[in-house]
Amino acid sequence: MAITFQEKERKQRYWIFVLIIIIFAVFLVFRFGIFQKKISPPLTAPKPPKIEINFEVLKNPFLKELLPYEEIKPFRDKIGRENPFLPY
């Protein structure tokens, strides 16, 4: 009977060491993997390009021949029904 107790005690000791190693590994993963502050390079916005407008295009004779659209007049009649939820 003494042999079986020693084997159980030995197995239990190994499992305790394995458990301690797993807990330590999980601690390291959380400490250095998840909760570590990530260092990002400073962000710099690119300078916008200088915009140059060529107004000479508007002097094109083709554009001068174009006519404007007619003005669309608003709808004057009554729109919809008084109570839209009533059946017809």
N, C-alpha and C. Protein backbone atom coordinates (compact mmCIF):
# COMPACT_ATOMS: atom_id res chain seq x y z
N MET A 1 0.80 -1.19 0.00
CA MET A 1 0.00 0.00 0.00
C MET A 1 0.85 1.26 0.00
N ALA A 2 2.01 1.20 0.56
CA ALA A 2 2.87 2.37 0.63
C ALA A 2 3.32 2.79 -0.76
N ILE A 3 3.46 1.84 -1.65
CA ILE A 3 3.91 2.15 -3.01
C ILE A 3 2.84 2.95 -3.75
N THR A 4 1.59 2.59 -3.60
CA THR A 4 0.53 3.31 -4.30
C THR A 4 0.41 4.74 -3.80
N PHE A 5 0.59 4.97 -2.51
CA PHE A 5 0.53 6.33 -1.99
C PHE A 5 1.67 7.18 -2.54
N GLN A 6 2.86 6.60 -2.66
CA GLN A 6 4.00 7.34 -3.19
C GLN A 6 3.77 7.67 -4.67
N GLU A 7 3.19 6.74 -5.42
CA GLU A 7 2.93 7.01 -6.84
C GLU A 7 1.89 8.11 -6.99
N LYS A 8 0.84 8.09 -6.18
CA LYS A 8 -0.17 9.14 -6.26
C LYS A 8 0.44 10.49 -5.88
N GLU A 9 1.28 10.47 -4.85
CA GLU A 9 1.92 11.71 -4.41
C GLU A 9 2.86 12.24 -5.50
N ARG A 10 3.56 11.34 -6.16
CA ARG A 10 4.47 11.74 -7.23
C ARG A 10 3.70 12.32 -8.42
N LYS A 11 2.59 11.66 -8.80
CA LYS A 11 1.77 12.15 -9.91
C LYS A 11 1.16 13.50 -9.55
N GLN A 12 0.73 13.61 -8.30
CA GLN A 12 0.13 14.89 -7.86
C GLN A 12 1.18 16.00 -7.91
N ARG A 13 2.39 15.72 -7.54
CA ARG A 13 3.46 16.71 -7.57
C ARG A 13 3.73 17.16 -9.01
N TYR A 14 3.74 16.21 -9.96
CA TYR A 14 3.95 16.56 -11.37
C TYR A 14 2.80 17.43 -11.88
N TRP A 15 1.58 17.08 -11.52
CA TRP A 15 0.43 17.88 -11.98
C TRP A 15 0.47 19.29 -11.38
N ILE A 16 0.94 19.42 -10.16
CA ILE A 16 1.06 20.75 -9.56
C ILE A 16 2.09 21.57 -10.33
N PHE A 17 3.22 20.97 -10.69
CA PHE A 17 4.23 21.68 -11.47
C PHE A 17 3.69 22.08 -12.84
N VAL A 18 2.96 21.19 -13.48
CA VAL A 18 2.36 21.49 -14.79
C VAL A 18 1.36 22.63 -14.66
N LEU A 19 0.55 22.60 -13.62
CA LEU A 19 -0.43 23.66 -13.40
C LEU A 19 0.26 25.00 -13.15
N ILE A 20 1.32 25.01 -12.37
CA ILE A 20 2.06 26.25 -12.12
C ILE A 20 2.67 26.78 -13.41
N ILE A 21 3.21 25.91 -14.24
CA ILE A 21 3.80 26.34 -15.52
C ILE A 21 2.73 26.91 -16.44
N ILE A 22 1.56 26.28 -16.48
CA ILE A 22 0.47 26.78 -17.33
C ILE A 22 0.00 28.14 -16.84
N ILE A 23 -0.17 28.30 -15.53
CA ILE A 23 -0.59 29.59 -14.98
C ILE A 23 0.45 30.66 -15.29
N PHE A 24 1.73 30.32 -15.16
CA PHE A 24 2.79 31.28 -15.47
C PHE A 24 2.78 31.65 -16.95
N ALA A 25 2.56 30.68 -17.83
CA ALA A 25 2.51 30.96 -19.26
C ALA A 25 1.33 31.86 -19.60
N VAL A 26 0.17 31.59 -18.99
CA VAL A 26 -1.01 32.44 -19.23
C VAL A 26 -0.74 33.85 -18.73
N PHE A 27 -0.09 33.98 -17.58
CA PHE A 27 0.26 35.30 -17.06
C PHE A 27 1.17 36.04 -18.03
N LEU A 28 2.16 35.36 -18.57
CA LEU A 28 3.08 36.02 -19.51
C LEU A 28 2.36 36.45 -20.78
N VAL A 29 1.45 35.62 -21.27
CA VAL A 29 0.70 35.98 -22.48
C VAL A 29 -0.14 37.21 -22.22
N PHE A 30 -0.83 37.26 -21.09
CA PHE A 30 -1.65 38.42 -20.78
C PHE A 30 -0.79 39.65 -20.53
N ARG A 31 0.32 39.49 -19.85
CA ARG A 31 1.16 40.64 -19.50
C ARG A 31 1.84 41.24 -20.73
N PHE A 32 2.44 40.42 -21.53
CA PHE A 32 3.23 40.93 -22.65
C PHE A 32 2.51 40.87 -23.98
N GLY A 33 1.43 40.15 -24.08
CA GLY A 33 0.74 40.02 -25.35
C GLY A 33 -0.48 40.89 -25.47
N ILE A 34 -1.35 40.83 -24.49
CA ILE A 34 -2.64 41.51 -24.61
C ILE A 34 -2.61 42.90 -24.01
N PHE A 35 -2.06 43.04 -22.80
CA PHE A 35 -2.14 44.31 -22.10
C PHE A 35 -0.94 45.22 -22.35
N GLN A 36 -0.06 44.84 -23.23
CA GLN A 36 1.09 45.69 -23.53
C GLN A 36 0.65 46.84 -24.42
N LYS A 37 1.12 48.03 -24.12
CA LYS A 37 0.77 49.19 -24.93
C LYS A 37 1.48 49.09 -26.27
N LYS A 38 0.72 49.27 -27.31
CA LYS A 38 1.30 49.20 -28.65
C LYS A 38 1.85 50.57 -29.02
N ILE A 39 3.05 50.59 -29.49
CA ILE A 39 3.69 51.84 -29.89
C ILE A 39 3.43 52.04 -31.37
N SER A 40 2.76 53.13 -31.69
CA SER A 40 2.47 53.41 -33.09
C SER A 40 3.28 54.63 -33.52
N PRO A 41 3.71 54.65 -34.76
CA PRO A 41 4.47 55.81 -35.22
C PRO A 41 3.57 57.04 -35.27
N PRO A 42 4.15 58.21 -35.08
CA PRO A 42 3.32 59.42 -35.12
C PRO A 42 2.71 59.61 -36.51
N LEU A 43 1.46 59.99 -36.51
CA LEU A 43 0.75 60.16 -37.78
C LEU A 43 0.98 61.57 -38.31
N THR A 44 1.31 61.65 -39.56
CA THR A 44 1.46 62.95 -40.21
C THR A 44 0.58 62.94 -41.44
N ALA A 45 -0.21 63.97 -41.56
CA ALA A 45 -1.09 64.08 -42.72
C ALA A 45 -0.30 64.60 -43.91
N PRO A 46 -0.54 64.03 -45.08
CA PRO A 46 0.16 64.54 -46.26
C PRO A 46 -0.35 65.94 -46.60
N LYS A 47 0.54 66.74 -47.13
CA LYS A 47 0.15 68.10 -47.51
C LYS A 47 -0.77 68.03 -48.73
N PRO A 48 -1.87 68.77 -48.68
CA PRO A 48 -2.78 68.75 -49.83
C PRO A 48 -2.13 69.44 -51.03
N PRO A 49 -2.40 68.93 -52.22
CA PRO A 49 -1.81 69.56 -53.40
C PRO A 49 -2.45 70.93 -53.65
N LYS A 50 -1.69 71.81 -54.24
CA LYS A 50 -2.19 73.14 -54.55
C LYS A 50 -3.15 73.02 -55.75
N ILE A 51 -4.33 73.60 -55.59
CA ILE A 51 -5.35 73.52 -56.63
C ILE A 51 -5.25 74.76 -57.50
N GLU A 52 -5.14 74.52 -58.78
CA GLU A 52 -5.09 75.62 -59.73
C GLU A 52 -6.29 75.48 -60.67
N ILE A 53 -7.11 76.52 -60.74
CA ILE A 53 -8.30 76.50 -61.57
C ILE A 53 -7.99 77.22 -62.88
N ASN A 54 -8.29 76.54 -63.98
CA ASN A 54 -8.07 77.12 -65.29
C ASN A 54 -9.39 77.71 -65.78
N PHE A 55 -9.54 79.03 -65.68
CA PHE A 55 -10.76 79.70 -66.09
C PHE A 55 -10.83 79.91 -67.61
N GLU A 56 -9.79 79.62 -68.31
CA GLU A 56 -9.78 79.76 -69.77
C GLU A 56 -10.74 78.76 -70.42
N VAL A 57 -11.02 77.67 -69.74
CA VAL A 57 -11.93 76.66 -70.28
C VAL A 57 -13.33 77.23 -70.41
N LEU A 58 -13.73 78.12 -69.53
CA LEU A 58 -15.07 78.70 -69.57
C LEU A 58 -15.26 79.67 -70.73
N LYS A 59 -14.18 80.08 -71.35
CA LYS A 59 -14.28 81.00 -72.49
C LYS A 59 -14.46 80.27 -73.81
N ASN A 60 -14.63 78.98 -73.76
CA ASN A 60 -14.82 78.17 -74.94
C ASN A 60 -16.13 78.57 -75.63
N PRO A 61 -16.14 78.78 -76.97
CA PRO A 61 -17.37 79.20 -77.66
C PRO A 61 -18.47 78.13 -77.60
N PHE A 62 -18.11 76.89 -77.50
CA PHE A 62 -19.11 75.83 -77.39
C PHE A 62 -19.92 76.00 -76.10
N LEU A 63 -19.29 76.35 -75.02
CA LEU A 63 -19.99 76.54 -73.75
C LEU A 63 -20.88 77.79 -73.77
N LYS A 64 -20.51 78.77 -74.54
CA LYS A 64 -21.32 79.99 -74.62
C LYS A 64 -22.62 79.76 -75.39
N GLU A 65 -22.67 78.75 -76.25
CA GLU A 65 -23.87 78.45 -77.03
C GLU A 65 -24.91 77.67 -76.23
N LEU A 66 -24.55 77.14 -75.10
CA LEU A 66 -25.49 76.35 -74.30
C LEU A 66 -26.57 77.24 -73.71
N LEU A 67 -27.79 76.68 -73.62
CA LEU A 67 -28.93 77.42 -73.08
C LEU A 67 -29.30 76.84 -71.71
N PRO A 68 -29.78 77.68 -70.79
CA PRO A 68 -30.17 77.16 -69.48
C PRO A 68 -31.51 76.43 -69.56
N TYR A 69 -31.77 75.55 -68.63
CA TYR A 69 -33.04 74.83 -68.56
C TYR A 69 -34.16 75.78 -68.14
N GLU A 70 -35.40 75.37 -68.47
CA GLU A 70 -36.56 76.13 -68.00
C GLU A 70 -36.70 75.94 -66.50
N GLU A 71 -37.28 76.93 -65.86
CA GLU A 71 -37.50 76.82 -64.43
C GLU A 71 -38.69 75.88 -64.20
N ILE A 72 -38.54 74.94 -63.30
CA ILE A 72 -39.61 73.99 -62.99
C ILE A 72 -40.47 74.62 -61.90
N LYS A 73 -41.76 74.76 -62.20
CA LYS A 73 -42.68 75.39 -61.25
C LYS A 73 -43.16 74.36 -60.24
N PRO A 74 -43.36 74.76 -59.00
CA PRO A 74 -43.81 73.81 -57.98
C PRO A 74 -45.24 73.36 -58.22
N PHE A 75 -45.61 72.21 -57.70
CA PHE A 75 -46.93 71.61 -57.85
C PHE A 75 -47.92 72.39 -56.99
N ARG A 76 -49.03 72.84 -57.59
CA ARG A 76 -49.98 73.70 -56.88
C ARG A 76 -51.20 72.94 -56.35
N ASP A 77 -51.50 71.77 -56.86
CA ASP A 77 -52.69 71.03 -56.43
C ASP A 77 -52.48 70.43 -55.04
N LYS A 78 -53.60 69.92 -54.50
CA LYS A 78 -53.56 69.30 -53.18
C LYS A 78 -52.82 67.96 -53.29
N ILE A 79 -51.91 67.72 -52.37
CA ILE A 79 -51.11 66.50 -52.40
C ILE A 79 -51.65 65.52 -51.37
N GLY A 80 -51.89 64.29 -51.77
CA GLY A 80 -52.29 63.24 -50.84
C GLY A 80 -53.72 63.36 -50.36
N ARG A 81 -54.05 62.55 -49.36
CA ARG A 81 -55.40 62.56 -48.79
C ARG A 81 -55.32 63.13 -47.38
N GLU A 82 -56.50 63.48 -46.86
CA GLU A 82 -56.55 64.03 -45.52
C GLU A 82 -56.09 62.99 -44.50
N ASN A 83 -56.65 61.77 -44.58
CA ASN A 83 -56.25 60.68 -43.70
C ASN A 83 -55.79 59.53 -44.59
N PRO A 84 -54.50 59.30 -44.72
CA PRO A 84 -54.02 58.27 -45.64
C PRO A 84 -54.28 56.85 -45.15
N PHE A 85 -54.72 56.69 -43.89
CA PHE A 85 -54.92 55.35 -43.35
C PHE A 85 -56.34 54.82 -43.57
N LEU A 86 -57.23 55.66 -44.05
CA LEU A 86 -58.59 55.20 -44.36
C LEU A 86 -58.59 54.41 -45.66
N PRO A 87 -59.38 53.31 -45.73
CA PRO A 87 -59.43 52.56 -47.00
C PRO A 87 -60.21 53.36 -48.05
N TYR A 88 -59.98 53.03 -49.31
CA TYR A 88 -60.65 53.74 -50.42
C TYR A 88 -62.10 53.42 -50.46
